[in-house]
């Protein structure tokens, strides 16, 4: 494909799709929240952030039910022993054991009202007390009686635990301790003092009975672990399915937003300016057409070299503000002489009707949006290369005092070059502004593309170089995860997310990503401009270091502070019951 500036809306002229949307808030108007239904749909997906976290909640739910059952059985046992009799010392030991187990079960029942408060330390204490109590129960009721078979229920419960110490430790103590006690009783070393003592004198029968219970316990452990594995596998598959579904939905939303432009494209056909002269350039066929402008292929009449000519559509020439902004784009971009920014040859007007034009290098290739539609996401090494090159281009803009204000995948172009490696170039400075200037040519309207603009832009505030850093972070997020950081069915809902919500953790959406990349993106997309990287080049350097596992420790501390205040996948207007440390422990 041969294009002048890519298949996108903003590259085809100064008109921004956001700026012309009548549903957008203007100036300092508050961003309206999305509908409850849409937020519920997002929250429902983010509740199941990982299989491990889901299993932790399930463990707490099972523990609460089991603790209630254990507490009831302990109460029944304490009352029953008053009627059953037996040796006094054994009755006292039995009662004390049931009291300890009942108290532990009551604590577990109380704590598990909030599932994430069910800590491994409490689960281990519950398992240890239950295992020891099971031995006392076996002694009291009869080591070789059928009574210890009820211990199998507890063994199966603890074997399902997420904590391997509990899963194997408690059954090991219960089964091992019982096996030792049973062998000692069966061999006559320890007298049988239980209420249900066996009357058989056949040693074979006694040892068979002694060995049966531990075997059943071990089989229960095996069965519980198999069941747990099946549940985890099902959760992993469900999580992956939801992740894929969300990615597809987000990509579809992006495609739908670009559909109106794609329907207007007229590449290869003659246009209103075909055959006219723009300075020393002869305008040829159309390459792309958008709502406000058109891009043509052209030929340099002096050298014969190819070029691209960007012009306003004839119907827009009467809008003085659009004409002024269009010329400003050319003047701003012409100040940037950097390999990763599209080269501007000249800016002028076409003699016939005074239409302004920008002559620039003709790029061959596709923009990042096209690559992402074809591939979904890019490997880490390709994203790092993209970030390094785009970072250098944005640094050149920063040095020239230019804020791009509309960085997005469609404005980042992978240009194929003769006798050189492909290079990423930044396009479309149509909504750029000079840093430090007062006012804009947009009459205080919101400019940019909803899913990639910074929170201060979305709220109608002033854009700075750190606003470009936020947009840069959103572009990298999209390239790494395969889905936009902020998406929704309409513009107000997207802007609400930009201003108030942190997107899902990148490494959760794309398992296998280095977790240090999460840290870099958390800083780049911080809601407060002062919390972000000072420049796009600094962000690109951090991203390169993160991919190599050499990220500066100060960045980790800074990101942890940011995420403690606003964790991944949460909104600043809602309370989260999952702390940063708890989420981090499941990564």
Protein backbone atom coordinates (compact mmCIF):
# COMPACT_ATOMS: atom_id res chain seq x y z
CA UNK A 1 0.00 0.00 0.00
CA UNK A 2 1.26 3.50 -0.85
CA UNK A 3 -0.10 6.26 1.33
CA UNK A 4 0.69 9.83 2.14
CA UNK A 5 -0.06 9.78 5.85
CA UNK A 6 -2.01 6.59 6.61
CA UNK A 7 -5.60 5.42 6.70
CA UNK A 8 -6.91 7.53 9.55
CA UNK A 9 -9.24 10.40 10.27
CA UNK A 10 -6.96 12.97 11.90
CA UNK A 11 -4.21 12.68 9.29
CA UNK A 12 -6.51 13.77 6.54
CA UNK A 13 -7.03 17.31 7.73
CA UNK A 14 -7.18 19.58 10.74
CA UNK A 15 -10.64 18.49 11.78
CA UNK A 16 -10.60 16.19 14.81
CA UNK A 17 -13.36 13.59 15.26
CA UNK A 18 -13.54 14.51 18.93
CA UNK A 19 -13.73 18.21 18.28
CA UNK A 20 -16.71 17.83 15.97
CA UNK A 21 -18.70 15.44 18.17
CA UNK A 22 -21.76 17.31 19.55
CA UNK A 23 -21.95 14.91 22.49
CA UNK A 24 -18.63 16.12 23.90
CA UNK A 25 -18.43 18.41 26.93
CA UNK A 26 -16.80 21.77 26.23
CA UNK A 27 -14.26 23.72 28.24
CA UNK A 28 -14.40 22.88 31.91
CA UNK A 29 -17.68 21.01 31.72
CA UNK A 30 -17.61 17.93 34.00
CA UNK A 31 -17.20 14.58 32.37
CA UNK A 32 -20.44 12.61 32.81
CA UNK A 33 -20.19 9.09 34.24
CA UNK A 34 -21.06 6.15 32.03
CA UNK A 35 -24.22 4.18 32.55
CA UNK A 36 -24.41 1.76 35.47
CA UNK A 37 -24.80 -1.14 33.07
CA UNK A 38 -21.52 -0.39 31.33
CA UNK A 39 -19.60 0.01 34.59
CA UNK A 40 -21.10 -3.23 35.89
CA UNK A 41 -19.91 -5.00 32.76
CA UNK A 42 -16.37 -3.70 33.31
CA UNK A 43 -16.40 -4.53 37.02
CA UNK A 44 -17.72 -8.04 36.37
CA UNK A 45 -14.70 -8.75 34.20
CA UNK A 46 -12.22 -7.20 36.62
CA UNK A 47 -13.52 -9.07 39.70
CA UNK A 48 -12.02 -12.30 38.30
CA UNK A 49 -8.59 -10.80 37.78
CA UNK A 50 -6.82 -14.14 38.03
CA UNK A 51 -7.45 -17.80 38.76
CA UNK A 52 -5.38 -17.54 41.94
CA UNK A 53 -7.49 -14.70 43.32
CA UNK A 54 -10.69 -16.54 42.41
CA UNK A 55 -9.48 -19.68 44.18
CA UNK A 56 -8.57 -17.62 47.22
CA UNK A 57 -12.13 -16.37 47.42
CA UNK A 58 -13.42 -19.92 46.94
CA UNK A 59 -11.13 -21.18 49.73
CA UNK A 60 -12.58 -18.55 52.06
CA UNK A 61 -16.15 -19.53 51.14
CA UNK A 62 -15.43 -23.23 51.72
CA UNK A 63 -13.67 -22.43 55.01
CA UNK A 64 -16.66 -20.45 56.23
CA UNK A 65 -19.03 -23.35 55.55
CA UNK A 66 -16.67 -25.95 57.02
CA UNK A 67 -16.03 -23.81 60.11
CA UNK A 68 -19.78 -23.58 60.72
CA UNK A 69 -20.07 -27.39 60.49
CA UNK A 70 -17.06 -27.96 62.76
CA UNK A 71 -18.41 -25.55 65.34
CA UNK A 72 -21.74 -27.39 65.41
CA UNK A 73 -20.04 -30.80 65.75
CA UNK A 74 -17.83 -29.49 68.56
CA UNK A 75 -20.89 -28.30 70.47
CA UNK A 76 -22.59 -31.67 69.98
CA UNK A 77 -19.44 -33.50 71.10
CA UNK A 78 -19.09 -31.46 74.26
CA UNK A 79 -22.67 -32.25 75.28
CA UNK A 80 -22.41 -35.90 74.26
CA UNK A 81 -19.31 -36.64 76.32
CA UNK A 82 -21.28 -35.80 79.47
CA UNK A 83 -23.51 -38.79 78.69
CA UNK A 84 -20.99 -41.21 77.16
CA UNK A 85 -18.59 -41.50 80.07
CA UNK A 86 -15.09 -42.90 79.73
CA UNK A 87 -11.81 -42.29 81.55
CA UNK A 88 -11.79 -38.90 83.28
CA UNK A 89 -8.42 -37.80 81.90
CA UNK A 90 -9.50 -38.73 78.37
CA UNK A 91 -12.82 -36.91 78.73
CA UNK A 92 -10.99 -33.76 79.89
CA UNK A 93 -8.52 -33.99 76.99
CA UNK A 94 -11.41 -34.59 74.56
CA UNK A 95 -13.33 -31.56 75.90
CA UNK A 96 -10.30 -29.24 75.79
CA UNK A 97 -9.54 -30.32 72.22
CA UNK A 98 -13.11 -29.65 71.12
CA UNK A 99 -13.07 -26.23 72.83
CA UNK A 100 -9.83 -25.30 71.02
CA UNK A 101 -11.15 -26.52 67.69
CA UNK A 102 -14.50 -24.79 68.18
CA UNK A 103 -12.82 -21.48 69.08
CA UNK A 104 -10.58 -21.69 66.00
CA UNK A 105 -13.56 -22.54 63.80
CA UNK A 106 -15.47 -19.55 65.22
CA UNK A 107 -12.55 -17.25 64.40
CA UNK A 108 -12.38 -18.63 60.84
CA UNK A 109 -16.14 -18.15 60.42
CA UNK A 110 -15.89 -14.54 61.61
CA UNK A 111 -12.85 -13.58 59.50
CA UNK A 112 -14.18 -15.12 56.30
CA UNK A 113 -17.01 -12.60 56.23
CA UNK A 114 -14.41 -10.70 54.17
CA UNK A 115 -12.81 -13.36 51.92
CA UNK A 116 -9.49 -11.59 51.32
CA UNK A 117 -8.89 -11.37 55.10
CA UNK A 118 -8.61 -15.17 55.26
CA UNK A 119 -4.82 -15.30 55.57
CA UNK A 120 -2.60 -18.39 55.20
CA UNK A 121 -1.57 -18.07 58.85
CA UNK A 122 -5.16 -18.55 60.05
CA UNK A 123 -5.74 -21.41 57.60
CA UNK A 124 -2.61 -23.17 58.89
CA UNK A 125 -3.67 -22.71 62.50
CA UNK A 126 -7.10 -24.15 61.67
CA UNK A 127 -5.49 -27.15 59.95
CA UNK A 128 -3.05 -27.80 62.79
CA UNK A 129 -5.71 -27.65 65.52
CA UNK A 130 -8.08 -29.84 63.49
CA UNK A 131 -5.38 -32.45 62.80
CA UNK A 132 -4.35 -32.75 66.47
CA UNK A 133 -7.99 -32.80 67.61
CA UNK A 134 -8.71 -35.64 65.19
CA UNK A 135 -6.16 -37.80 67.03
CA UNK A 136 -7.76 -37.06 70.40
CA UNK A 137 -11.21 -37.90 68.96
CA UNK A 138 -9.84 -41.21 67.67
CA UNK A 139 -8.45 -42.05 71.09
CA UNK A 140 -11.68 -41.17 72.87
CA UNK A 141 -14.12 -42.91 70.53
CA UNK A 142 -11.85 -45.83 69.72
CA UNK A 143 -8.80 -46.03 67.49
CA UNK A 144 -10.00 -49.14 65.62
CA UNK A 145 -13.68 -48.16 65.58
CA UNK A 146 -15.45 -46.72 62.51
CA UNK A 147 -15.60 -43.31 64.19
CA UNK A 148 -12.25 -41.96 62.79
CA UNK A 149 -13.63 -42.38 59.28
CA UNK A 150 -15.38 -39.04 59.85
CA UNK A 151 -11.93 -37.43 59.95
CA UNK A 152 -11.79 -38.12 56.22
CA UNK A 153 -14.22 -35.23 55.70
CA UNK A 154 -11.77 -32.80 57.26
CA UNK A 155 -8.84 -34.27 55.32
CA UNK A 156 -10.70 -33.72 52.04
CA UNK A 157 -11.50 -30.12 53.00
CA UNK A 158 -7.95 -29.12 53.88
CA UNK A 159 -6.50 -30.92 50.83
CA UNK A 160 -8.44 -28.48 48.61
CA UNK A 161 -6.62 -25.48 50.12
CA UNK A 162 -4.71 -22.97 48.01
CA UNK A 163 -1.89 -23.08 50.59
CA UNK A 164 0.22 -26.20 49.99
CA UNK A 165 1.31 -26.23 53.66
CA UNK A 166 -2.34 -26.59 54.66
CA UNK A 167 -3.22 -28.87 51.74
CA UNK A 168 -0.56 -31.44 52.59
CA UNK A 169 0.43 -30.59 56.16
CA UNK A 170 -2.92 -31.05 57.90
CA UNK A 171 -3.72 -34.37 56.13
CA UNK A 172 -0.18 -35.59 56.81
CA UNK A 173 -0.49 -34.95 60.55
CA UNK A 174 -3.99 -36.48 60.70
CA UNK A 175 -3.17 -39.56 58.59
CA UNK A 176 0.37 -40.08 59.92
CA UNK A 177 -0.58 -39.52 63.52
CA UNK A 178 -3.54 -41.86 63.25
CA UNK A 179 -1.46 -44.57 61.53
CA UNK A 180 1.13 -44.46 64.34
CA UNK A 181 -1.50 -44.46 67.09
CA UNK A 182 -3.44 -47.31 65.42
CA UNK A 183 -0.34 -49.48 65.01
CA UNK A 184 0.62 -48.95 68.66
CA UNK A 185 -2.89 -49.90 69.76
CA UNK A 186 -3.18 -52.87 67.36
CA UNK A 187 0.18 -54.25 68.54
CA UNK A 188 -0.75 -53.86 72.19
CA UNK A 189 1.98 -51.36 73.00
CA UNK A 190 -0.65 -48.77 73.94
CA UNK A 191 -3.81 -49.94 75.70
CA UNK A 192 -7.11 -49.30 73.93
CA UNK A 193 -9.10 -46.94 76.12
CA UNK A 194 -11.68 -45.70 73.63
CA UNK A 195 -15.44 -46.03 74.11
CA UNK A 196 -15.84 -48.26 71.03
CA UNK A 197 -12.98 -50.70 71.58
CA UNK A 198 -12.66 -53.62 69.16
CA UNK A 199 -13.29 -57.09 70.56
CA UNK A 200 -11.41 -59.16 67.96
CA UNK A 201 -8.17 -60.76 69.00
CA UNK A 202 -7.02 -61.60 65.47
CA UNK A 203 -3.86 -59.47 64.84
CA UNK A 204 -4.42 -59.56 61.08
CA UNK A 205 -7.86 -58.02 61.40
CA UNK A 206 -6.63 -55.43 63.86
CA UNK A 207 -3.74 -54.31 61.62
CA UNK A 208 -5.99 -54.28 58.56
CA UNK A 209 -8.42 -52.00 60.39
CA UNK A 210 -5.51 -49.82 61.53
CA UNK A 211 -4.26 -49.42 57.95
CA UNK A 212 -7.61 -48.84 56.29
CA UNK A 213 -8.28 -45.36 57.65
CA UNK A 214 -4.92 -43.78 56.60
CA UNK A 215 -5.34 -45.25 53.11
CA UNK A 216 -8.81 -43.71 52.80
CA UNK A 217 -7.40 -40.40 54.05
CA UNK A 218 -4.64 -40.42 51.42
CA UNK A 219 -7.12 -41.27 48.70
CA UNK A 220 -9.22 -38.31 49.85
CA UNK A 221 -6.19 -36.03 49.53
CA UNK A 222 -5.52 -37.30 46.00
CA UNK A 223 -9.13 -36.87 44.97
CA UNK A 224 -9.28 -33.35 46.44
CA UNK A 225 -6.12 -32.27 44.58
CA UNK A 226 -7.44 -33.68 41.30
CA UNK A 227 -10.69 -31.79 41.82
CA UNK A 228 -8.81 -28.60 42.62
CA UNK A 229 -6.68 -28.95 39.50
CA UNK A 230 -9.78 -29.35 37.37
CA UNK A 231 -11.33 -26.23 38.92
CA UNK A 232 -8.17 -24.20 38.32
CA UNK A 233 -8.01 -25.37 34.72
CA UNK A 234 -11.64 -24.37 34.20
CA UNK A 235 -10.99 -20.95 35.75
CA UNK A 236 -7.94 -20.42 33.55
CA UNK A 237 -9.96 -21.27 30.48
CA UNK A 238 -12.81 -18.98 31.55
CA UNK A 239 -10.38 -16.12 32.30
CA UNK A 240 -8.68 -16.56 28.94
CA UNK A 241 -12.07 -16.62 27.20
CA UNK A 242 -13.13 -13.39 28.93
CA UNK A 243 -9.78 -11.77 28.11
CA UNK A 244 -10.16 -12.74 24.45
CA UNK A 245 -13.77 -11.53 24.44
CA UNK A 246 -12.82 -8.16 25.87
CA UNK A 247 -9.96 -7.81 23.39
CA UNK A 248 -12.28 -8.56 20.48
CA UNK A 249 -14.90 -6.13 21.75
CA UNK A 250 -12.31 -3.37 22.20
CA UNK A 251 -10.89 -3.96 18.73
CA UNK A 252 -14.40 -3.90 17.27
CA UNK A 253 -15.09 -0.57 18.97
CA UNK A 254 -11.92 0.85 17.45
CA UNK A 255 -12.82 -0.49 14.01
CA UNK A 256 -16.32 0.97 14.28
CA UNK A 257 -14.92 4.40 15.11
CA UNK A 258 -12.80 4.27 11.95
CA UNK A 259 -15.55 2.85 9.73
CA UNK A 260 -16.94 6.22 8.70
CA UNK A 261 -13.52 7.26 7.45
CA UNK A 262 -12.89 4.01 5.61
CA UNK A 263 -16.18 4.47 3.77
CA UNK A 264 -14.98 7.90 2.57
CA UNK A 265 -11.64 6.75 1.25
CA UNK A 266 -11.12 7.24 -2.47
CA UNK A 267 -7.54 6.09 -2.92
CA UNK A 268 -6.39 5.92 -6.52
CA UNK A 269 -9.11 8.16 -7.93
CA UNK A 270 -8.91 11.69 -9.25
CA UNK A 271 -9.89 14.42 -6.82
CA UNK A 272 -10.79 18.13 -7.01
CA UNK A 273 -7.10 19.10 -6.92
CA UNK A 274 -5.81 16.47 -9.36
CA UNK A 275 -3.75 18.11 -12.12
CA UNK A 276 -3.22 21.41 -10.26
CA UNK A 277 0.15 22.79 -9.24
CA UNK A 278 0.99 23.29 -5.57
CA UNK A 279 4.19 25.31 -5.61
CA UNK A 280 6.69 23.22 -7.53
CA UNK A 281 4.59 20.06 -7.11
CA UNK A 282 2.14 18.60 -9.61
CA UNK A 283 -0.82 16.99 -7.82
CA UNK A 284 -1.78 13.49 -9.00
CA UNK A 285 -4.38 11.01 -7.65
CA UNK A 286 -5.98 10.79 -4.23
CA UNK A 287 -4.34 8.68 -1.53
CA UNK A 288 -6.86 9.24 1.27
CA UNK A 289 -9.83 11.42 2.08
CA UNK A 290 -11.27 12.39 5.44
CA UNK A 291 -13.93 14.65 6.89
CA UNK A 292 -11.84 17.83 6.57
CA UNK A 293 -8.96 17.18 4.22
CA UNK A 294 -7.43 15.07 1.49
CA UNK A 295 -4.00 13.63 0.76
CA UNK A 296 -2.74 13.35 -2.82
CA UNK A 297 0.27 11.78 -4.44
CA UNK A 298 2.40 14.43 -6.16
CA UNK A 299 5.55 14.83 -8.19
CA UNK A 300 8.28 17.40 -7.65
CA UNK A 301 8.40 19.27 -10.97
CA UNK A 302 12.09 20.08 -10.53
CA UNK A 303 13.56 16.79 -9.32
CA UNK A 304 10.87 14.31 -10.36
CA UNK A 305 10.75 12.90 -6.81
CA UNK A 306 7.52 11.65 -5.27
CA UNK A 307 5.80 13.61 -2.52
CA UNK A 308 2.49 13.80 -0.69
CA UNK A 309 0.29 16.89 -0.73
CA UNK A 310 -2.14 17.50 2.09
CA UNK A 311 -4.96 19.96 1.36
CA UNK A 312 -8.27 21.06 2.80
CA UNK A 313 -11.40 19.93 1.06
CA UNK A 314 -12.87 22.72 -1.11
CA UNK A 315 -15.98 22.91 1.08
CA UNK A 316 -13.82 23.82 4.10
CA UNK A 317 -12.00 26.79 2.58
CA UNK A 318 -14.56 29.25 3.86
CA UNK A 319 -13.72 28.42 7.49
CA UNK A 320 -10.94 30.86 8.35
CA UNK A 321 -10.12 29.10 11.61
CA UNK A 322 -9.62 25.75 9.87
CA UNK A 323 -7.39 27.36 7.27
CA UNK A 324 -5.31 29.04 9.96
CA UNK A 325 -4.98 25.84 11.96
CA UNK A 326 -4.07 23.87 8.85
CA UNK A 327 -1.24 26.27 8.05
CA UNK A 328 -0.12 26.17 11.68
CA UNK A 329 0.26 22.40 11.42
CA UNK A 330 2.60 22.76 8.48
CA UNK A 331 4.59 25.51 10.15
CA UNK A 332 4.90 23.55 13.40
CA UNK A 333 5.92 20.30 11.72
CA UNK A 334 8.37 22.08 9.39
CA UNK A 335 10.38 23.08 12.47
CA UNK A 336 11.09 19.43 13.21
CA UNK A 337 13.99 17.92 11.33
CA UNK A 338 14.16 14.48 12.87
CA UNK A 339 14.11 11.03 11.20
CA UNK A 340 11.13 9.89 13.27
CA UNK A 341 8.89 12.82 12.30
CA UNK A 342 7.38 13.07 8.82
CA UNK A 343 9.44 15.54 6.78
CA UNK A 344 7.69 18.72 5.61
CA UNK A 345 9.02 20.14 2.35
CA UNK A 346 7.03 23.35 2.05
CA UNK A 347 3.81 25.07 3.06
CA UNK A 348 1.83 27.32 0.76
CA UNK A 349 -1.40 27.95 -1.13
CA UNK A 350 -2.65 26.71 -4.47
CA UNK A 351 -2.93 29.64 -6.86
CA UNK A 352 -6.30 28.79 -8.38
CA UNK A 353 -8.42 29.08 -5.23
CA UNK A 354 -5.95 29.91 -2.51
CA UNK A 355 -6.35 26.52 -0.85
CA UNK A 356 -3.56 25.90 1.70
CA UNK A 357 -1.37 22.85 1.20
CA UNK A 358 1.42 21.02 2.95
CA UNK A 359 3.98 19.16 0.85
CA UNK A 360 5.64 16.29 2.70
CA UNK A 361 7.52 13.10 2.13
CA UNK A 362 5.51 10.27 0.62
CA UNK A 363 5.53 7.37 3.05
CA UNK A 364 5.14 3.78 1.95
CA UNK A 365 3.81 1.32 4.49
CA UNK A 366 1.08 1.28 7.12
CA UNK A 367 0.29 3.02 10.38
CA UNK A 368 0.36 1.29 13.75
CA UNK A 369 -3.43 1.01 13.78
CA UNK A 370 -3.29 -1.11 10.62
CA UNK A 371 -0.58 -3.36 12.09
CA UNK A 372 -2.59 -3.85 15.27
CA UNK A 373 -5.74 -4.70 13.34
CA UNK A 374 -3.77 -7.35 11.46
CA UNK A 375 -1.82 -8.79 14.40
CA UNK A 376 -3.75 -7.85 17.51
CA UNK A 377 -0.65 -6.92 19.49
CA UNK A 378 3.11 -6.63 18.98
CA UNK A 379 5.96 -8.53 20.69
CA UNK A 380 7.82 -6.71 23.43
CA UNK A 381 10.97 -6.21 21.35
CA UNK A 382 9.01 -4.56 18.53
CA UNK A 383 7.18 -2.30 20.97
CA UNK A 384 10.49 -1.30 22.58
CA UNK A 385 11.89 -0.40 19.14
CA UNK A 386 8.74 1.59 18.36
CA UNK A 387 8.93 3.39 21.70
CA UNK A 388 12.59 4.30 21.24
CA UNK A 389 11.94 5.83 17.81
CA UNK A 390 8.70 7.60 18.70
CA UNK A 391 10.34 8.80 21.92
CA UNK A 392 13.09 10.47 19.91
CA UNK A 393 10.52 12.11 17.64
CA UNK A 394 8.51 13.46 20.58
CA UNK A 395 11.71 14.67 22.22
CA UNK A 396 12.47 16.69 19.10
CA UNK A 397 8.97 18.17 19.31
CA UNK A 398 9.48 18.98 23.00
CA UNK A 399 12.83 20.67 22.23
CA UNK A 400 11.06 22.78 19.60
CA UNK A 401 8.32 23.69 22.08
CA UNK A 402 5.60 21.70 20.27
CA UNK A 403 2.94 19.60 21.98
CA UNK A 404 1.39 17.07 19.59
CA UNK A 405 -1.91 16.58 21.51
CA UNK A 406 -3.25 13.78 19.28
CA UNK A 407 -0.80 10.88 19.50
CA UNK A 408 -2.54 7.58 18.70
CA UNK A 409 -1.85 4.39 16.67
CA UNK A 410 -3.14 6.02 13.47
CA UNK A 411 -0.59 8.84 13.87
CA UNK A 412 2.40 6.52 14.19
CA UNK A 413 3.53 5.18 10.82
CA UNK A 414 5.98 2.37 9.98
CA UNK A 415 7.62 3.69 6.82
CA UNK A 416 9.39 1.32 4.45
CA UNK A 417 12.66 2.86 3.27
CA UNK A 418 15.01 2.10 0.40
CA UNK A 419 18.33 0.60 1.54
CA UNK A 420 17.40 1.17 5.18
CA UNK A 421 15.42 -0.53 7.93
CA UNK A 422 11.77 0.47 8.36
CA UNK A 423 11.36 3.48 10.63
CA UNK A 424 8.49 4.65 12.83
CA UNK A 425 7.45 8.23 12.10
CA UNK A 426 5.04 10.57 13.88
CA UNK A 427 2.30 12.08 11.70
CA UNK A 428 -0.30 14.82 11.89
CA UNK A 429 0.50 17.84 14.01
CA UNK A 430 -2.94 19.21 13.07
CA UNK A 431 -3.98 19.82 16.68
CA UNK A 432 -0.51 20.63 18.01
CA UNK A 433 0.28 23.82 19.87
CA UNK A 434 3.39 25.70 20.91
CA UNK A 435 4.22 25.15 24.56
CA UNK A 436 3.80 28.27 26.66
CA UNK A 437 1.39 30.01 24.29
CA UNK A 438 -1.93 31.23 25.63
CA UNK A 439 -5.12 30.07 24.03
CA UNK A 440 -5.63 27.76 21.08
CA UNK A 441 -7.31 27.84 17.73
CA UNK A 442 -9.99 25.42 18.94
CA UNK A 443 -12.06 27.90 20.97
CA UNK A 444 -11.39 25.98 24.19
CA UNK A 445 -12.91 22.80 22.81
CA UNK A 446 -11.58 19.37 23.71
CA UNK A 447 -9.15 18.20 21.05
CA UNK A 448 -7.60 14.79 20.51
CA UNK A 449 -8.88 11.24 20.24
CA UNK A 450 -10.92 10.06 23.29
CA UNK A 451 -9.15 6.79 24.07
CA UNK A 452 -5.68 8.32 23.82
CA UNK A 453 -5.99 11.85 25.18
CA UNK A 454 -4.73 12.75 28.63
CA UNK A 455 -7.05 13.37 31.61
CA UNK A 456 -6.27 17.09 31.56
CA UNK A 457 -7.25 17.28 27.87
CA UNK A 458 -10.42 15.26 28.50
CA UNK A 459 -11.37 17.72 31.27
CA UNK A 460 -10.77 20.70 28.98
CA UNK A 461 -7.47 21.72 30.60
CA UNK A 462 -4.15 22.78 29.09
CA UNK A 463 -2.06 20.15 27.31
CA UNK A 464 1.69 19.99 27.95
CA UNK A 465 4.50 17.66 26.94
CA UNK A 466 3.45 15.37 29.77
CA UNK A 467 0.06 15.10 28.06
CA UNK A 468 1.91 13.58 25.10
CA UNK A 469 3.59 11.19 27.56
CA UNK A 470 0.16 9.96 28.69
CA UNK A 471 -0.96 9.43 25.09
CA UNK A 472 2.34 7.72 24.35
CA UNK A 473 1.72 5.37 27.28
CA UNK A 474 -1.79 4.60 25.99
CA UNK A 475 -0.35 3.78 22.54
CA UNK A 476 2.24 1.43 24.05
CA UNK A 477 -0.47 -0.17 26.24
CA UNK A 478 -2.55 -0.84 23.11
CA UNK A 479 0.43 -2.31 21.24
CA UNK A 480 1.42 -4.61 24.12
CA UNK A 481 -1.99 -5.86 25.28
CA UNK A 482 -3.97 -5.91 22.05
CA UNK A 483 -6.70 -3.62 23.39
CA UNK A 484 -7.12 0.07 24.20
CA UNK A 485 -6.50 1.25 27.74
CA UNK A 486 -9.78 3.17 27.63
CA UNK A 487 -12.78 2.14 25.54
CA UNK A 488 -16.55 2.35 25.56
CA UNK A 489 -19.62 2.54 23.34
CA UNK A 490 -19.60 6.34 23.18
CA UNK A 491 -17.32 9.32 23.70
CA UNK A 492 -18.53 10.46 27.17
CA UNK A 493 -17.97 6.98 28.63
CA UNK A 494 -14.46 6.80 27.16
CA UNK A 495 -13.62 10.24 28.58
CA UNK A 496 -14.96 9.21 31.98
CA UNK A 497 -12.53 6.30 32.04
CA UNK A 498 -9.64 8.51 30.93
CA UNK A 499 -10.26 10.97 33.76
CA UNK A 500 -11.24 8.65 36.61
CA UNK A 501 -10.27 5.06 35.89
CA UNK A 502 -7.06 3.02 35.68
CA UNK A 503 -7.14 0.34 32.96
CA UNK A 504 -6.62 -3.36 33.74
CA UNK A 505 -3.08 -4.46 34.58
CA UNK A 506 -1.22 -4.99 31.24
CA UNK A 507 0.45 -8.25 32.29
CA UNK A 508 -2.97 -9.59 33.31
CA UNK A 509 -4.36 -8.99 29.83
CA UNK A 510 -1.25 -10.39 28.15
CA UNK A 511 0.30 -13.12 30.37
CA UNK A 512 4.05 -13.36 29.97
CA UNK A 513 4.69 -9.62 29.79
CA UNK A 514 7.53 -8.54 32.12
CA UNK A 515 5.89 -7.03 35.19
CA UNK A 516 8.30 -4.09 35.01
CA UNK A 517 6.38 -2.98 31.92
CA UNK A 518 3.35 -2.59 34.20
CA UNK A 519 5.40 -0.18 36.29
CA UNK A 520 6.46 1.95 33.32
CA UNK A 521 2.88 2.21 32.03
CA UNK A 522 1.53 3.00 35.51
CA UNK A 523 3.83 6.04 35.64
CA UNK A 524 3.26 7.06 32.01
CA UNK A 525 -0.53 6.98 32.41
CA UNK A 526 -0.68 8.57 35.86
CA UNK A 527 -3.73 10.84 36.20
CA UNK A 528 -1.67 13.74 37.56
CA UNK A 529 0.79 15.12 34.94
CA UNK A 530 3.34 15.73 37.68
CA UNK A 531 3.45 12.00 38.45
CA UNK A 532 4.38 11.04 34.88
CA UNK A 533 7.76 10.81 33.20
CA UNK A 534 9.21 14.23 32.44
CA UNK A 535 9.45 13.41 28.74
CA UNK A 536 8.55 10.75 26.19
CA UNK A 537 12.24 9.96 25.77
CA UNK A 538 12.56 9.25 29.51
CA UNK A 539 9.57 6.92 29.23
CA UNK A 540 11.11 5.15 26.21
CA UNK A 541 14.38 4.66 28.12
CA UNK A 542 12.48 3.23 31.10
CA UNK A 543 10.56 0.89 28.81
CA UNK A 544 13.81 -0.38 27.29
CA UNK A 545 15.27 -0.98 30.75
CA UNK A 546 12.06 -2.72 31.91
CA UNK A 547 12.16 -5.14 28.97
CA UNK A 548 15.72 -6.08 29.99
CA UNK A 549 14.85 -6.45 33.68
CA UNK A 550 17.03 -3.46 34.55
CA UNK A 551 14.41 -0.91 35.58
CA UNK A 552 15.55 1.71 38.09
CA UNK A 553 14.32 0.92 41.61
CA UNK A 554 13.02 4.48 42.03
CA UNK A 555 10.47 3.82 39.29
CA UNK A 556 9.20 0.75 41.15
CA UNK A 557 8.73 2.73 44.36
CA UNK A 558 7.00 5.55 42.49
CA UNK A 559 4.64 3.16 40.68
CA UNK A 560 3.80 1.35 43.91
CA UNK A 561 2.77 4.68 45.46
CA UNK A 562 0.59 5.52 42.46
CA UNK A 563 -1.05 2.09 42.36
CA UNK A 564 -1.67 2.09 46.11
CA UNK A 565 -3.83 5.18 45.56
CA UNK A 566 -5.48 3.95 42.35
CA UNK A 567 -4.91 0.23 41.63
CA UNK A 568 -5.16 -1.25 38.17
CA UNK A 569 -8.74 -1.75 37.03
CA UNK A 570 -10.32 0.57 39.60
CA UNK A 571 -11.86 4.03 39.58
CA UNK A 572 -10.97 6.96 41.79
CA UNK A 573 -14.71 7.29 42.55
CA UNK A 574 -15.17 3.82 43.94
CA UNK A 575 -13.69 1.95 46.88
CA UNK A 576 -11.69 -1.18 46.10
CA UNK A 577 -11.58 -4.10 48.55
CA UNK A 578 -8.33 -5.33 46.99
CA UNK A 579 -5.21 -3.50 48.04
CA UNK A 580 -2.17 -3.00 45.79
CA UNK A 581 -0.18 -5.50 47.81
CA UNK A 582 -2.94 -8.13 47.54
CA UNK A 583 -3.27 -7.72 43.80
CA UNK A 584 0.50 -7.77 43.40
CA UNK A 585 0.70 -11.06 45.31
CA UNK A 586 -1.44 -12.75 42.64
CA UNK A 587 0.59 -11.57 39.65
